[in-house]
Amino acid sequence: MKSERIPVKSFSADNGFIGKMQKLVREEVLPYQYNILNDAIPGIEKSHAIENIRLAAEKLRGKDVKPDEFYGMVFQDSDVAKWIEAAAYALAAGEDPELEKAVDETIQLYGASQHEDGYVDSYFTVKCPDKMWTNICDAHELYCAGHMMEAAVAYYRATGKDKLLKIMCRMADLIDQNFGPEENKRHGYPGHEEIELALVKMYEATNEERYLKLAKYFIDERGKKPYYFDIEFEKRNHASHFSYLYPPYGMYSNGPKYEQYHLPIREQKSFEGHAVRCMYMASGAVDVARLTKDEGLMDTCRTLYQNMVQRRMYVTGGIGSTPKAEMFTSDYDLPNDMVYGETCASVGMMFFTKRLLEAEQKGDYADTMERALYNTCLAGMSLDGKSFFYVNPLEVEPIISKENPDRAHVLPVRPAWFGCACCPPNLSRMITSLAEYIYTIKENQIYVNLYVPDQAIIHLENKTIELETVTDYPYEGLIKFNLKTAGEYEICLRIPAWSSNKWSIMVNGEKVQTEVKDGFAHLKRAWNTGDTILLELDFEPKRVYANPKVSKDVGKVAIQCGPLVYCLEEVDNGKGLQRIYLPKDSELQLERRTDKLLGINEIHTKGYRLKELEDETVLYASDTNWEYEPVDLTYIPYYAWANRGENEMTVWVHEKA
């Protein structure tokens, strides 16, 4: 059965926590990022992304542009693409003539940088036009094209303007002419997956079957022998793009697992290699499986998902355990102070789980999506929207980050921008597009995946439904639904795993019993205008324990309340967070603080801190009397850490009997 995405134009969420985040991105973050892309903010990492596109356009008009005038990463165009996509979703939520004008001008410039045959990529146009399509392993041509395709579809759906869509149709057609199973084509696939899911979006926007067929080809060709990247490597005489980062041969040096071509996807049992690539690959695979009714491919996606959530995901929804090539490592290897947990990887996990929910409605997928959203994703941006994390650790001691080169990636404060700035605009496009994550529509059923205060107009099989959600989620467990449309339809409410033992539903003030299937409570009846549904979830703070196979968390405990994972910060609790012990029976008290960190629930409890030795000359001792001092502990939501200056932070603490 087909599941539909709710159109972004049918959704409004200007209230509550998510509403504040979306408003922040629309009003502050998008203009800020646009200025950065135009190098208009002094004192931060240079972007040059829009100037690169301008240089490409000038070169095509005959101007003498030197190769070294290009600045930035080979995939610098993708920052612009993600910004356009984020702006498109913002425009869908409400008119903004100034933002729309900026997007239109950027699209006009991008179109001017397109070659006659449809090729468009500023890096290769400016820097090395003779190297197009010669280094798919390293050079991100298909990745950049995919991101701009996503932007084109989003902008077309939001505004009805098709200029960028037409530009990217020409690029998609050129890619289709160059890649595929035919003898005269390259039998390759992208080094960094992304175009697979983008081609599916292009297919859905244009009904051009070739785009879906090409997406399927890229999915199926990956991992076949002889490896395309081996052939390509020899053809270019071992020349590599990222040899300075991954010596001696760039990304090729990392081996087949790094880019997920070690096996055909249908033979893969676990996510291996670069975490972001894994998420984009899986997202495209679910799309292809859903649209082509390929149950074998869908089974593979289920297997990969289960391995990730059962063995390779942090309690915060972070993924990627090592800074070495930003990769997954092995089952249960989840270090807290060496974690990578890239923001883009958790954003990618939301893409993946959203598509799983479109394919089959299972509450576990939405639980994982919610875990990533409210913890790692939102931690990736400061509360003022002006600084960002690439890496999202679960434990930080600033002095170690500064002095230990192995911890240099674990920053105690968010930078304003990055030379490799994939995460900030990726986060922006996810936040502005959240309407597409909240509901899944299946014929005459409305599945509510995420609880957000909103006004939604939902198109069912034979009826259009207006639905209002009222809640202070994620800071309370009461969610009220006001039904504004009469008729017979089914509303399916997710019962999160963290509340599965304690929840209730009332319809028009009367408690009801209902079937829970695959994590959703099903309510099917003939509804009247004015009917109300009240869902109450368990919002008591809870202790969370890791599987003992996660060696770094043995004997430790984390705190979660609703979907939010909590942490300790030095600013609230003093230095020496790694010496904190939380008694097993210590009461956890929730307090609403509207005056702190833009409004949070903080958790108060009592614990102990192991005292330092009086004799500082002793490093090891065979006999000493350890002493503990009682301390009052204050936990804050993990997403809100690092907004009050440089200080220690930890999610996991020792538990004391």
Foldseek 3Di string as FASTA:
>chain_A
DFWDFAQLLQWEFCDFDLNLVLVLLLPPQLVLLLCQCVVNDPDADHQCLLVLLLLLLVVVVPDDAAQVVDDFALLSLLSVLLSLLLLLLSLSNHNDVVSVVSSVVSLVSQLSNADPQLQGGSNCSRHPVPCPPLQLQARCSLVSLLSNLSSQLSNCSRPVDRSSVVSSVSVLVVVLVAEDDDPNHQQAAGNFARNLLSLLSNCVRPVPVSSLVVSVSNLQSQQDPPHSNVVSCVVVVLDADQCVPVPDRHSVNVDSLQSVRNHRLLPDQERWHALLSSLNSLLSLLSSCQVVVPVSSVVSSVRHVCQCVQFAADQQLFGAAAPPRSITDDGLAHDQQHGFRFLSSLLSLLSNLLSVCSRPNFLVSLLSNLSSVQGSNLLQAALSSQFGQRGAGQWDDQVCCVPPPSRVNPHLATGRADSPGPRSSSSSSCSSPCSSRQWMADAQETEGSDQGAMWGWGDHNPDIWTKGWDDNPPAFFKIKIATQDWAWGKYKYFQHPVFVVPKWKDKQRHTDDADADNRIGIDTDGDDHGIMMIIGGDFAKDKDADDVSNVNQVQKIFIDGRSFTKKFWCVQFNPDQQQKEAEPPWHWDWDWDCPPLNTFIKIKTKTKGWDDDPPPVDPDDPDDDIDIDITITIITTNSNRNNPDGTIMHRIYGYDD
